C-alpha atoms as a PDB file:
ATOM      1  CA  MET A   1       0.000   0.000   0.000  1.00  0.00           C
ATOM      2  CA  ASN A   2       1.258   3.512  -0.849  1.00  0.00           C
ATOM      3  CA  LYS A   3       2.901   5.126   2.200  1.00  0.00           C
ATOM      4  CA  LYS A   4       1.302   8.562   1.638  1.00  0.00           C
ATOM      5  CA  PHE A   5      -2.114   6.972   1.236  1.00  0.00           C
ATOM      6  CA  LEU A   6      -1.620   5.001   4.458  1.00  0.00           C
ATOM      7  CA  ILE A   7      -0.579   8.131   6.378  1.00  0.00           C
ATOM      8  CA  SER A   8      -3.590  10.073   5.085  1.00  0.00           C
ATOM      9  CA  ILE A   9      -5.882   7.226   6.158  1.00  0.00           C
ATOM     10  CA  VAL A  10      -4.385   7.214   9.662  1.00  0.00           C
ATOM     11  CA  LYS A  11      -4.624  11.015   9.945  1.00  0.00           C
ATOM     12  CA  THR A  12      -8.292  10.832   9.009  1.00  0.00           C
ATOM     13  CA  LEU A  13      -9.338   7.741  10.960  1.00  0.00           C
ATOM     14  CA  LEU A  14      -7.669   8.411  14.310  1.00  0.00           C
ATOM     15  CA  PRO A  15      -9.509  11.693  15.060  1.00  0.00           C
ATOM     16  CA  LEU A  16     -12.696  10.206  13.617  1.00  0.00           C
ATOM     17  CA  LEU A  17     -12.455   7.119  15.832  1.00  0.00           C
ATOM     18  CA  LEU A  18     -11.740   9.348  18.809  1.00  0.00           C
ATOM     19  CA  GLY A  19     -14.838  11.378  17.956  1.00  0.00           C
ATOM     20  CA  ILE A  20     -16.976   8.233  17.692  1.00  0.00           C
ATOM     21  CA  TYR A  21     -15.656   7.041  21.035  1.00  0.00           C
ATOM     22  CA  LEU A  22     -16.517  10.396  22.626  1.00  0.00           C
ATOM     23  CA  ILE A  23     -20.048  10.252  21.186  1.00  0.00           C
ATOM     24  CA  TRP A  24     -20.371   6.852  22.870  1.00  0.00           C
ATOM     25  CA  VAL A  25     -19.149   8.403  26.121  1.00  0.00           C
ATOM     26  CA  PHE A  26     -21.576  11.290  25.582  1.00  0.00           C
ATOM     27  CA  PHE A  27     -24.650   9.049  25.372  1.00  0.00           C
ATOM     28  CA  SER A  28     -23.537   6.157  27.596  1.00  0.00           C
ATOM     29  CA  ASP A  29     -23.189   8.477  30.577  1.00  0.00           C
ATOM     30  CA  MET A  30     -26.797   9.627  30.185  1.00  0.00           C
ATOM     31  CA  ALA A  31     -28.063   6.127  29.338  1.00  0.00           C
ATOM     32  CA  LYS A  32     -27.175   4.995  32.859  1.00  0.00           C
ATOM     33  CA  ASP A  33     -30.110   7.071  34.065  1.00  0.00           C
ATOM     34  CA  PRO A  34     -33.216   7.005  31.814  1.00  0.00           C
ATOM     35  CA  LYS A  35     -34.386  10.273  33.381  1.00  0.00           C
ATOM     36  CA  LYS A  36     -31.247  12.050  32.170  1.00  0.00           C
ATOM     37  CA  LEU A  37     -31.720  10.720  28.649  1.00  0.00           C
ATOM     38  CA  GLU A  38     -35.362  11.789  28.702  1.00  0.00           C
ATOM     39  CA  ALA A  39     -34.367  15.258  29.940  1.00  0.00           C
ATOM     40  CA  PHE A  40     -31.819  15.475  27.091  1.00  0.00           C
ATOM     41  CA  TYR A  41     -34.379  14.753  24.362  1.00  0.00           C
ATOM     42  CA  THR A  42     -37.022  16.938  26.056  1.00  0.00           C
ATOM     43  CA  ALA A  43     -34.637  19.905  26.100  1.00  0.00           C
ATOM     44  CA  ILE A  44     -33.916  19.501  22.379  1.00  0.00           C
ATOM     45  CA  TYR A  45     -37.612  19.062  21.524  1.00  0.00           C
ATOM     46  CA  ASN A  46     -38.748  22.098  23.557  1.00  0.00           C
ATOM     47  CA  ALA A  47     -35.941  24.416  22.453  1.00  0.00           C
ATOM     48  CA  ASN A  48     -36.886  27.764  20.922  1.00  0.00           C
ATOM     49  CA  TYR A  49     -35.386  27.357  17.455  1.00  0.00           C
ATOM     50  CA  PHE A  50     -35.750  31.038  16.621  1.00  0.00           C
ATOM     51  CA  TRP A  51     -32.471  31.622  18.483  1.00  0.00           C
ATOM     52  CA  ILE A  52     -30.811  28.724  16.681  1.00  0.00           C
ATOM     53  CA  ILE A  53     -31.816  30.111  13.270  1.00  0.00           C
ATOM     54  CA  LEU A  54     -30.618  33.587  14.245  1.00  0.00           C
ATOM     55  CA  ALA A  55     -27.277  32.092  15.287  1.00  0.00           C
ATOM     56  CA  LEU A  56     -26.948  30.344  11.913  1.00  0.00           C
ATOM     57  CA  ILE A  57     -27.600  33.633  10.093  1.00  0.00           C
ATOM     58  CA  LEU A  58     -24.736  35.192  12.038  1.00  0.00           C
ATOM     59  CA  GLY A  59     -22.623  32.212  11.036  1.00  0.00           C
ATOM     60  CA  VAL A  60     -23.205  32.980   7.354  1.00  0.00           C
ATOM     61  CA  ILE A  61     -22.264  36.626   7.975  1.00  0.00           C
ATOM     62  CA  ALA A  62     -19.020  35.448   9.605  1.00  0.00           C
ATOM     63  CA  TYR A  63     -18.209  33.277   6.577  1.00  0.00           C
ATOM     64  CA  PHE A  64     -18.830  36.238   4.263  1.00  0.00           C
ATOM     65  CA  ALA A  65     -16.599  38.461   6.412  1.00  0.00           C
ATOM     66  CA  ARG A  66     -13.819  35.863   6.344  1.00  0.00           C
ATOM     67  CA  ALA A  67     -13.973  35.721   2.538  1.00  0.00           C
ATOM     68  CA  PHE A  68     -13.995  39.523   2.332  1.00  0.00           C
ATOM     69  CA  ARG A  69     -11.054  39.834   4.751  1.00  0.00           C
ATOM     70  CA  TRP A  70      -8.952  37.489   2.634  1.00  0.00           C
ATOM     71  CA  LYS A  71      -8.879  40.129  -0.108  1.00  0.00           C
ATOM     72  CA  TYR A  72      -6.814  42.483   2.036  1.00  0.00           C
ATOM     73  CA  VAL A  73      -3.843  40.096   2.246  1.00  0.00           C
ATOM     74  CA  LEU A  74      -4.037  38.817  -1.326  1.00  0.00           C
ATOM     75  CA  GLU A  75      -3.958  42.264  -2.933  1.00  0.00           C
ATOM     76  CA  PRO A  76      -0.445  43.197  -1.675  1.00  0.00           C
ATOM     77  CA  LEU A  77       0.789  40.053  -3.445  1.00  0.00           C
ATOM     78  CA  GLY A  78      -0.736  41.298  -6.710  1.00  0.00           C
ATOM     79  CA  HIS A  79      -3.734  38.952  -6.826  1.00  0.00           C
ATOM     80  CA  LYS A  80      -7.173  40.260  -7.762  1.00  0.00           C
ATOM     81  CA  THR A  81      -9.805  37.686  -6.922  1.00  0.00           C
ATOM     82  CA  SER A  82     -13.572  37.304  -6.969  1.00  0.00           C
ATOM     83  CA  PHE A  83     -15.416  37.595  -3.663  1.00  0.00           C
ATOM     84  CA  TRP A  84     -17.586  34.601  -4.494  1.00  0.00           C
ATOM     85  CA  ASN A  85     -14.599  32.467  -5.449  1.00  0.00           C
ATOM     86  CA  ARG A  86     -12.916  33.337  -2.158  1.00  0.00           C
ATOM     87  CA  TYR A  87     -16.126  32.541  -0.285  1.00  0.00           C
ATOM     88  CA  HIS A  88     -16.517  29.182  -2.049  1.00  0.00           C
ATOM     89  CA  ALA A  89     -12.868  28.337  -1.273  1.00  0.00           C
ATOM     90  CA  VAL A  90     -13.428  29.177   2.411  1.00  0.00           C
ATOM     91  CA  MET A  91     -16.523  26.988   2.662  1.00  0.00           C
ATOM     92  CA  ILE A  92     -14.869  24.081   0.842  1.00  0.00           C
ATOM     93  CA  GLY A  93     -12.012  24.389   3.325  1.00  0.00           C
ATOM     94  CA  TYR A  94     -14.464  24.089   6.210  1.00  0.00           C
ATOM     95  CA  LEU A  95     -16.042  21.056   4.545  1.00  0.00           C
ATOM     96  CA  VAL A  96     -12.674  19.326   4.120  1.00  0.00           C
ATOM     97  CA  ASN A  97     -11.760  20.044   7.757  1.00  0.00           C
ATOM     98  CA  LEU A  98     -14.759  17.954   8.801  1.00  0.00           C
ATOM     99  CA  THR A  99     -13.174  14.914   7.158  1.00  0.00           C
ATOM    100  CA  ILE A 100      -9.393  15.486   7.400  1.00  0.00           C
ATOM    101  CA  PRO A 101      -8.323  17.705  10.332  1.00  0.00           C
ATOM    102  CA  ARG A 102      -6.303  20.810   9.348  1.00  0.00           C
ATOM    103  CA  ALA A 103      -6.452  19.859   5.654  1.00  0.00           C
ATOM    104  CA  GLY A 104      -9.008  22.593   4.975  1.00  0.00           C
ATOM    105  CA  GLU A 105      -6.348  25.305   4.745  1.00  0.00           C
ATOM    106  CA  ALA A 106      -4.524  23.476   1.961  1.00  0.00           C
ATOM    107  CA  SER A 107      -7.825  22.749   0.191  1.00  0.00           C
ATOM    108  CA  ARG A 108      -8.796  26.404   0.429  1.00  0.00           C
ATOM    109  CA  SER A 109      -5.569  27.464  -1.313  1.00  0.00           C
ATOM    110  CA  ALA A 110      -5.984  24.748  -3.925  1.00  0.00           C
ATOM    111  CA  MET A 111      -9.536  25.893  -4.684  1.00  0.00           C
ATOM    112  CA  LEU A 112      -8.484  29.524  -5.126  1.00  0.00           C
ATOM    113  CA  TYR A 113      -5.740  28.419  -7.504  1.00  0.00           C
ATOM    114  CA  ARG A 114      -8.302  26.410  -9.451  1.00  0.00           C
ATOM    115  CA  SER A 115     -10.724  29.321  -9.718  1.00  0.00           C
ATOM    116  CA  ASP A 116      -8.497  32.424  -9.853  1.00  0.00           C
ATOM    117  CA  GLY A 117      -5.017  31.133 -10.570  1.00  0.00           C
ATOM    118  CA  VAL A 118      -3.508  32.357  -7.280  1.00  0.00           C
ATOM    119  CA  PRO A 119      -0.320  30.333  -6.558  1.00  0.00           C
ATOM    120  CA  PHE A 120      -0.901  27.786  -3.823  1.00  0.00           C
ATOM    121  CA  SER A 121       2.088  28.728  -1.656  1.00  0.00           C
ATOM    122  CA  SER A 122       1.251  32.451  -1.714  1.00  0.00           C
ATOM    123  CA  SER A 123      -2.370  32.055  -0.665  1.00  0.00           C
ATOM    124  CA  PHE A 124      -1.414  29.381   1.864  1.00  0.00           C
ATOM    125  CA  GLY A 125       0.966  31.866   3.465  1.00  0.00           C
ATOM    126  CA  THR A 126      -1.844  34.390   3.844  1.00  0.00           C
ATOM    127  CA  ILE A 127      -3.976  31.702   5.512  1.00  0.00           C
ATOM    128  CA  ILE A 128      -1.189  30.969   7.988  1.00  0.00           C
ATOM    129  CA  GLY A 129      -1.066  34.685   8.779  1.00  0.00           C
ATOM    130  CA  GLU A 130      -4.836  34.713   9.131  1.00  0.00           C
ATOM    131  CA  ARG A 131      -4.706  31.783  11.542  1.00  0.00           C
ATOM    132  CA  ALA A 132      -2.058  33.601  13.582  1.00  0.00           C
ATOM    133  CA  VAL A 133      -4.339  36.644  13.897  1.00  0.00           C
ATOM    134  CA  ASP A 134      -7.318  34.456  14.837  1.00  0.00           C
ATOM    135  CA  LEU A 135      -5.223  32.630  17.429  1.00  0.00           C
ATOM    136  CA  VAL A 136      -4.313  35.962  19.030  1.00  0.00           C
ATOM    137  CA  VAL A 137      -7.989  36.933  19.153  1.00  0.00           C
ATOM    138  CA  LEU A 138      -8.991  33.567  20.659  1.00  0.00           C
ATOM    139  CA  ALA A 139      -6.201  33.808  23.230  1.00  0.00           C
ATOM    140  CA  SER A 140      -7.360  37.333  24.113  1.00  0.00           C
ATOM    141  CA  ILE A 141     -10.915  36.052  24.656  1.00  0.00           C
ATOM    142  CA  ALA A 142      -9.532  33.251  26.844  1.00  0.00           C
ATOM    143  CA  VAL A 143      -7.570  35.739  28.965  1.00  0.00           C
ATOM    144  CA  LEU A 144     -10.625  37.978  29.257  1.00  0.00           C
ATOM    145  CA  THR A 145     -12.733  34.973  30.246  1.00  0.00           C
ATOM    146  CA  ALA A 146     -10.240  33.930  32.915  1.00  0.00           C
ATOM    147  CA  PHE A 147     -10.161  37.492  34.244  1.00  0.00           C
ATOM    148  CA  ILE A 148     -13.915  38.099  34.521  1.00  0.00           C
ATOM    149  CA  GLY A 149     -14.779  34.563  35.615  1.00  0.00           C
ATOM    150  CA  PHE A 150     -11.635  33.547  37.491  1.00  0.00           C
ATOM    151  CA  ASP A 151     -13.181  31.017  39.914  1.00  0.00           C
ATOM    152  CA  ASP A 152     -15.386  29.333  37.297  1.00  0.00           C
ATOM    153  CA  PHE A 153     -12.496  29.206  34.797  1.00  0.00           C
ATOM    154  CA  PHE A 154     -10.246  27.082  36.996  1.00  0.00           C
ATOM    155  CA  LYS A 155     -13.127  25.054  38.394  1.00  0.00           C
ATOM    156  CA  ILE A 156     -14.134  24.009  34.880  1.00  0.00           C
ATOM    157  CA  LYS A 157     -10.485  23.436  33.913  1.00  0.00           C
ATOM    158  CA  SER A 158     -10.264  20.895  36.754  1.00  0.00           C
ATOM    159  CA  LEU A 159     -13.548  19.255  35.708  1.00  0.00           C
ATOM    160  CA  ILE A 160     -12.281  18.845  32.134  1.00  0.00           C
ATOM    161  CA  GLU A 161      -8.998  17.357  33.352  1.00  0.00           C
ATOM    162  CA  ILE A 162     -10.910  14.854  35.494  1.00  0.00           C
ATOM    163  CA  GLU A 163     -13.327  14.031  32.632  1.00  0.00           C
ATOM    164  CA  PHE A 164     -10.521  13.242  30.186  1.00  0.00           C
ATOM    165  CA  GLY A 165      -8.119  11.618  32.589  1.00  0.00           C
ATOM    166  CA  ALA A 166      -5.485  14.354  32.718  1.00  0.00           C
ATOM    167  CA  GLN A 167      -5.761  14.020  36.481  1.00  0.00           C
ATOM    168  CA  THR A 168      -7.598  11.646  38.759  1.00  0.00           C
ATOM    169  CA  SER A 169     -10.533  12.177  41.042  1.00  0.00           C
ATOM    170  CA  GLY A 170     -10.263   9.970  44.106  1.00  0.00           C
ATOM    171  CA  THR A 171      -9.257   6.482  43.012  1.00  0.00           C
ATOM    172  CA  GLN A 172     -10.644   6.765  39.474  1.00  0.00           C
ATOM    173  CA  GLU A 173      -8.018   6.126  36.822  1.00  0.00           C
ATOM    174  CA  GLY A 174      -8.392   8.099  33.611  1.00  0.00           C
ATOM    175  CA  PHE A 175      -7.162   7.266  30.127  1.00  0.00           C
ATOM    176  CA  PRO A 176      -3.610   8.668  29.718  1.00  0.00           C
ATOM    177  CA  TRP A 177      -4.423  11.233  27.039  1.00  0.00           C
ATOM    178  CA  LYS A 178      -1.338  13.319  27.831  1.00  0.00           C
ATOM    179  CA  ILE A 179       1.002  10.382  27.254  1.00  0.00           C
ATOM    180  CA  VAL A 180      -0.709   9.522  23.952  1.00  0.00           C
ATOM    181  CA  MET A 181      -0.620  13.120  22.671  1.00  0.00           C
ATOM    182  CA  TYR A 182       2.997  13.675  23.679  1.00  0.00           C
ATOM    183  CA  SER A 183       3.992  10.372  22.069  1.00  0.00           C
ATOM    184  CA  VAL A 184       2.297  11.311  18.792  1.00  0.00           C
ATOM    185  CA  VAL A 185       3.955  14.750  18.773  1.00  0.00           C
ATOM    186  CA  LEU A 186       7.346  13.169  19.506  1.00  0.00           C
ATOM    187  CA  LEU A 187       6.917  10.597  16.719  1.00  0.00           C
ATOM    188  CA  ILE A 188       5.961  13.283  14.201  1.00  0.00           C
ATOM    189  CA  GLY A 189       8.974  15.349  15.282  1.00  0.00           C
ATOM    190  CA  ILE A 190      11.350  12.407  14.826  1.00  0.00           C
ATOM    191  CA  ILE A 191      10.016  11.577  11.341  1.00  0.00           C
ATOM    192  CA  PHE A 192      10.156  15.226  10.249  1.00  0.00           C
ATOM    193  CA  SER A 193      13.719  15.639  11.590  1.00  0.00           C
ATOM    194  CA  TYR A 194      14.851  12.495   9.767  1.00  0.00           C
ATOM    195  CA  LEU A 195      13.420  13.681   6.457  1.00  0.00           C
ATOM    196  CA  LEU A 196      14.844  17.174   6.909  1.00  0.00           C
ATOM    197  CA  ILE A 197      18.369  15.931   7.737  1.00  0.00           C
ATOM    198  CA  PHE A 198      18.793  12.875   5.535  1.00  0.00           C
ATOM    199  CA  LYS A 199      16.509  13.504   2.543  1.00  0.00           C
ATOM    200  CA  ASN A 200      17.938  16.297   0.397  1.00  0.00           C
ATOM    201  CA  GLN A 201      14.953  16.460  -1.975  1.00  0.00           C
ATOM    202  CA  PHE A 202      12.540  16.862   0.940  1.00  0.00           C
ATOM    203  CA  ARG A 203      14.806  19.509   2.508  1.00  0.00           C
ATOM    204  CA  GLN A 204      15.026  21.572  -0.684  1.00  0.00           C
ATOM    205  CA  LYS A 205      11.279  21.428  -1.241  1.00  0.00           C
ATOM    206  CA  PHE A 206      10.620  22.396   2.368  1.00  0.00           C
ATOM    207  CA  ILE A 207      13.016  25.372   2.229  1.00  0.00           C
ATOM    208  CA  GLY A 208      11.567  26.619  -1.072  1.00  0.00           C
ATOM    209  CA  PHE A 209       8.011  26.183   0.116  1.00  0.00           C
ATOM    210  CA  SER A 210       8.801  27.915   3.419  1.00  0.00           C
ATOM    211  CA  LYS A 211      10.212  30.974   1.625  1.00  0.00           C
ATOM    212  CA  GLU A 212       7.052  31.388  -0.446  1.00  0.00           C
ATOM    213  CA  VAL A 213       4.805  30.804   2.572  1.00  0.00           C
ATOM    214  CA  PHE A 214       6.790  33.362   4.566  1.00  0.00           C
ATOM    215  CA  GLY A 215       6.191  35.881   1.759  1.00  0.00           C
ATOM    216  CA  GLY A 216       2.470  35.320   2.084  1.00  0.00           C
ATOM    217  CA  LEU A 217       2.682  35.671   5.852  1.00  0.00           C
ATOM    218  CA  LEU A 218       4.470  39.016   5.554  1.00  0.00           C
ATOM    219  CA  SER A 219       1.625  40.344   3.405  1.00  0.00           C
ATOM    220  CA  ILE A 220      -0.270  41.088   6.636  1.00  0.00           C
ATOM    221  CA  PHE A 221       2.283  43.819   7.346  1.00  0.00           C
ATOM    222  CA  LYS A 222       1.933  45.286   3.850  1.00  0.00           C
ATOM    223  CA  LEU A 223      -1.789  45.911   3.923  1.00  0.00           C
ATOM    224  CA  LYS A 224      -3.135  48.863   1.987  1.00  0.00           C
ATOM    225  CA  GLN A 225      -6.219  48.929   4.223  1.00  0.00           C
ATOM    226  CA  PRO A 226      -5.184  47.640   7.678  1.00  0.00           C
ATOM    227  CA  PHE A 227      -8.280  49.073   9.361  1.00  0.00           C
ATOM    228  CA  GLY A 228     -10.492  47.231   6.893  1.00  0.00           C
ATOM    229  CA  TYR A 229      -8.731  43.986   7.801  1.00  0.00           C
ATOM    230  CA  LEU A 230      -9.157  44.650  11.519  1.00  0.00           C
ATOM    231  CA  PHE A 231     -12.802  45.616  11.036  1.00  0.00           C
ATOM    232  CA  GLN A 232     -13.567  42.358   9.225  1.00  0.00           C
ATOM    233  CA  THR A 233     -11.697  40.439  11.943  1.00  0.00           C
ATOM    234  CA  ALA A 234     -13.888  42.122  14.565  1.00  0.00           C
ATOM    235  CA  ILE A 235     -17.036  41.185  12.607  1.00  0.00           C
ATOM    236  CA  ILE A 236     -15.906  37.551  12.326  1.00  0.00           C
ATOM    237  CA  TRP A 237     -15.240  37.101  16.021  1.00  0.00           C
ATOM    238  CA  CYS A 238     -18.257  39.060  17.215  1.00  0.00           C
ATOM    239  CA  CYS A 239     -20.382  36.783  15.031  1.00  0.00           C
ATOM    240  CA  TYR A 240     -18.624  33.671  16.341  1.00  0.00           C
ATOM    241  CA  VAL A 241     -19.255  34.625  19.965  1.00  0.00           C
ATOM    242  CA  ALA A 242     -22.839  35.726  19.244  1.00  0.00           C
ATOM    243  CA  MET A 243     -23.695  32.567  17.279  1.00  0.00           C
ATOM    244  CA  PHE A 244     -22.514  30.563  20.282  1.00  0.00           C
ATOM    245  CA  ALA A 245     -24.303  32.775  22.837  1.00  0.00           C
ATOM    246  CA  LEU A 246     -27.719  33.026  21.158  1.00  0.00           C
ATOM    247  CA  PRO A 247     -28.637  29.306  21.508  1.00  0.00           C
ATOM    248  CA  PHE A 248     -28.357  29.714  25.302  1.00  0.00           C
ATOM    249  CA  GLN A 249     -31.628  31.661  25.020  1.00  0.00           C
ATOM    250  CA  ALA A 250     -33.241  28.656  23.337  1.00  0.00           C
ATOM    251  CA  LEU A 251     -33.433  26.685  26.587  1.00  0.00           C
ATOM    252  CA  GLU A 252     -35.206  27.948  29.689  1.00  0.00           C
ATOM    253  CA  GLN A 253     -32.572  26.484  32.016  1.00  0.00           C
ATOM    254  CA  THR A 254     -29.644  28.238  30.292  1.00  0.00           C
ATOM    255  CA  ALA A 255     -31.205  31.602  29.438  1.00  0.00           C
ATOM    256  CA  SER A 256     -29.947  33.233  32.660  1.00  0.00           C
ATOM    257  CA  ILE A 257     -26.304  32.104  32.388  1.00  0.00           C
ATOM    258  CA  PRO A 258     -24.058  35.201  32.587  1.00  0.00           C
ATOM    259  CA  PHE A 259     -21.903  36.268  29.667  1.00  0.00           C
ATOM    260  CA  SER A 260     -18.735  35.179  31.486  1.00  0.00           C
ATOM    261  CA  GLY A 261     -20.156  31.648  31.664  1.00  0.00           C
ATOM    262  CA  ILE A 262     -21.030  31.712  27.969  1.00  0.00           C
ATOM    263  CA  LEU A 263     -17.447  32.708  27.174  1.00  0.00           C
ATOM    264  CA  LEU A 264     -16.209  29.721  29.198  1.00  0.00           C
ATOM    265  CA  GLY A 265     -18.309  27.423  27.043  1.00  0.00           C
ATOM    266  CA  PHE A 266     -17.071  29.175  23.901  1.00  0.00           C
ATOM    267  CA  ILE A 267     -13.414  28.633  24.832  1.00  0.00           C
ATOM    268  CA  ALA A 268     -14.031  24.995  25.780  1.00  0.00           C
ATOM    269  CA  GLY A 269     -15.827  24.292  22.491  1.00  0.00           C
ATOM    270  CA  SER A 270     -13.125  26.074  20.460  1.00  0.00           C
ATOM    271  CA  LEU A 271     -10.419  23.930  22.041  1.00  0.00           C
ATOM    272  CA  GLY A 272     -12.472  20.788  21.389  1.00  0.00           C
ATOM    273  CA  ILE A 273     -12.503  21.395  17.633  1.00  0.00           C
ATOM    274  CA  VAL A 274      -8.714  20.958  17.579  1.00  0.00           C
ATOM    275  CA  PHE A 275      -8.815  17.299  18.651  1.00  0.00           C
ATOM    276  CA  THR A 276     -11.387  15.659  16.371  1.00  0.00           C
ATOM    277  CA  ASN A 277     -12.840  16.157  12.893  1.00  0.00           C
ATOM    278  CA  GLY A 278     -14.954  19.293  13.263  1.00  0.00           C
ATOM    279  CA  GLY A 279     -15.284  18.725  17.021  1.00  0.00           C
ATOM    280  CA  ILE A 280     -17.273  15.492  16.580  1.00  0.00           C
ATOM    281  CA  GLY A 281     -18.051  14.046  19.980  1.00  0.00           C
ATOM    282  CA  ILE A 282     -15.805  16.315  22.007  1.00  0.00           C
ATOM    283  CA  TYR A 283     -17.480  19.675  21.237  1.00  0.00           C
ATOM    284  CA  PRO A 284     -20.923  18.856  22.720  1.00  0.00           C
ATOM    285  CA  LEU A 285     -19.209  16.964  25.541  1.00  0.00           C
ATOM    286  CA  LEU A 286     -17.062  19.929  26.601  1.00  0.00           C
ATOM    287  CA  VAL A 287     -19.824  22.507  26.170  1.00  0.00           C
ATOM    288  CA  GLY A 288     -22.200  20.234  28.090  1.00  0.00           C
ATOM    289  CA  LEU A 289     -19.679  19.912  30.911  1.00  0.00           C
ATOM    290  CA  VAL A 290     -19.292  23.702  31.181  1.00  0.00           C
ATOM    291  CA  VAL A 291     -23.034  24.385  31.042  1.00  0.00           C
ATOM    292  CA  ALA A 292     -23.789  21.680  33.616  1.00  0.00           C
ATOM    293  CA  SER A 293     -21.316  23.228  36.051  1.00  0.00           C
ATOM    294  CA  LEU A 294     -22.949  26.636  35.596  1.00  0.00           C
ATOM    295  CA  ILE A 295     -26.559  25.526  36.156  1.00  0.00           C
ATOM    296  CA  GLY A 296     -25.869  22.642  38.538  1.00  0.00           C
ATOM    297  CA  GLU A 297     -26.974  24.461  41.683  1.00  0.00           C
ATOM    298  CA  GLU A 298     -30.218  25.706  40.152  1.00  0.00           C
ATOM    299  CA  HIS A 299     -31.063  22.518  38.227  1.00  0.00           C
ATOM    300  CA  PRO A 300     -29.211  19.687  40.013  1.00  0.00           C
ATOM    301  CA  ALA A 301     -31.365  16.851  38.632  1.00  0.00           C
ATOM    302  CA  ASP A 302     -30.970  17.505  34.909  1.00  0.00           C
ATOM    303  CA  ALA A 303     -27.985  19.895  34.656  1.00  0.00           C
ATOM    304  CA  ARG A 304     -25.767  17.506  32.682  1.00  0.00           C
ATOM    305  CA  ALA A 305     -28.576  16.427  30.360  1.00  0.00           C
ATOM    306  CA  VAL A 306     -29.519  20.038  29.598  1.00  0.00           C
ATOM    307  CA  GLY A 307     -25.867  20.983  29.118  1.00  0.00           C
ATOM    308  CA  ASN A 308     -25.389  18.083  26.716  1.00  0.00           C
ATOM    309  CA  ALA A 309     -28.552  19.066  24.835  1.00  0.00           C
ATOM    310  CA  LEU A 310     -27.335  22.620  24.354  1.00  0.00           C
ATOM    311  CA  GLY A 311     -23.874  21.475  23.299  1.00  0.00           C
ATOM    312  CA  MET A 312     -25.373  19.051  20.779  1.00  0.00           C
ATOM    313  CA  LEU A 313     -27.785  21.680  19.438  1.00  0.00           C
ATOM    314  CA  ILE A 314     -24.988  24.174  18.833  1.00  0.00           C
ATOM    315  CA  TRP A 315     -22.630  21.630  17.307  1.00  0.00           C
ATOM    316  CA  ILE A 316     -25.044  19.755  15.070  1.00  0.00           C
ATOM    317  CA  THR A 317     -26.786  22.833  13.623  1.00  0.00           C
ATOM    318  CA  GLN A 318     -23.544  24.692  12.896  1.00  0.00           C
ATOM    319  CA  THR A 319     -21.925  21.567  11.450  1.00  0.00           C
ATOM    320  CA  ALA A 320     -24.965  20.963   9.238  1.00  0.00           C
ATOM    321  CA  LEU A 321     -24.748  24.575   8.033  1.00  0.00           C
ATOM    322  CA  MET A 322     -21.077  24.146   7.079  1.00  0.00           C
ATOM    323  CA  ILE A 323     -21.812  20.888   5.252  1.00  0.00           C
ATOM    324  CA  VAL A 324     -24.699  22.339   3.242  1.00  0.00           C
ATOM    325  CA  LEU A 325     -22.867  25.555   2.330  1.00  0.00           C
ATOM    326  CA  GLY A 326     -19.650  23.637   1.629  1.00  0.00           C
ATOM    327  CA  LEU A 327     -21.382  21.256  -0.782  1.00  0.00           C
ATOM    328  CA  ILE A 328     -23.067  24.182  -2.557  1.00  0.00           C
ATOM    329  CA  SER A 329     -19.689  25.922  -2.899  1.00  0.00           C
ATOM    330  CA  LEU A 330     -18.099  22.723  -4.178  1.00  0.00           C
ATOM    331  CA  ALA A 331     -20.704  22.655  -6.946  1.00  0.00           C
ATOM    332  CA  LEU A 332     -20.498  26.356  -7.794  1.00  0.00           C
ATOM    333  CA  LEU A 333     -16.760  27.091  -7.662  1.00  0.00           C
ATOM    334  CA  PRO A 334     -15.287  27.534 -11.181  1.00  0.00           C
ATOM    335  CA  LYS A 335     -12.873  24.701 -11.887  1.00  0.00           C
ATOM    336  CA  ASN A 336     -11.194  25.696 -15.140  1.00  0.00           C
ATOM    337  CA  PHE A 337      -9.166  28.843 -14.579  1.00  0.00           C
ATOM    338  CA  SER A 338      -7.348  30.276 -17.590  1.00  0.00           C
ATOM    339  CA  LYS A 339      -5.702  33.602 -18.375  1.00  0.00           C
ATOM    340  CA  GLU A 340      -8.389  34.332 -20.958  1.00  0.00           C
ATOM    341  CA  ASN A 341     -11.145  34.555 -18.361  1.00  0.00           C
ATOM    342  CA  GLU A 342      -9.107  36.511 -15.797  1.00  0.00           C
ATOM    343  CA  PRO A 343     -10.776  39.905 -16.599  1.00  0.00           C
ATOM    344  CA  THR A 344     -14.184  38.324 -15.950  1.00  0.00           C
ATOM    345  CA  ILE A 345     -13.002  37.038 -12.586  1.00  0.00           C
ATOM    346  CA  GLN A 346     -11.564  40.423 -11.603  1.00  0.00           C
ATOM    347  CA  SER A 347     -14.873  42.057 -12.274  1.00  0.00           C
ATOM    348  CA  GLY A 348     -16.491  39.984  -9.530  1.00  0.00           C
ATOM    349  CA  GLU A 349     -16.213  42.803  -6.963  1.00  0.00           C
END
């Protein structure tokens, strides 16, 4: 079997299998008590879906803003692109990320090359810069969350560590996730180091690719309209937070949770997306854990079930939105770029 094909299969299956396992954990915990499972389905059935729909609308606005923002870093590199082609590339990237973790960025660059002829390495560099900016914003939200909800922040951090076996509670032994993750990182580092040191062809390709990517990354500091870029970034993240916060109003038990608590759930869910394909399994589990800790005193009997219901509602509706929009974009994105049709593409904005 081809080595690259085998590696791609492993990269896809491992997070997917982890996600399936976490879905089993998600439901098996509630299945131990039929009342909890009933409370879970009741919460989903009785939810006010007006707030869910409003959150999805904000999600679409965020996707539009992300496509619009991309223009600001492509233009300094001399690339004029269509808004709709950028949008379709963004949505296809999201769709790919649901199947192969972190492969969406590469797919996004490939799609823009296919539609507008933008070199892969240049656009990929701008995406790396974009991810760096988004990481700074997310980290800032995390710091703000820890500051305004200090006690809850570290209480929930401990609950998550206990849930996933990073530490033990009493005599309960957890699965050694830390050891597994560190082992995987170490193995990847060893393989990469070997290729970089002993394989000249790999080393030359990596150096050349890195130079072009670095050029794309530097485009952030050459913006003609830096305030426009920052404004679109603000729109994206305000929409992200709002589309997470609005579903809290859909359930009676969670409608009174303070904004600091909502931010805790937002950070937990954002971190969960890193570990499995699109957050499958782990996103509703983490959000449910946070919500349950916030409403546990007021609703002790069904706190975990309601938390799980809200986490599942947010995850499944937003994932469904990305799948639908991604498939539409996959069908609509032009696939035969040529120099002859470049003026038509440039006229897209």
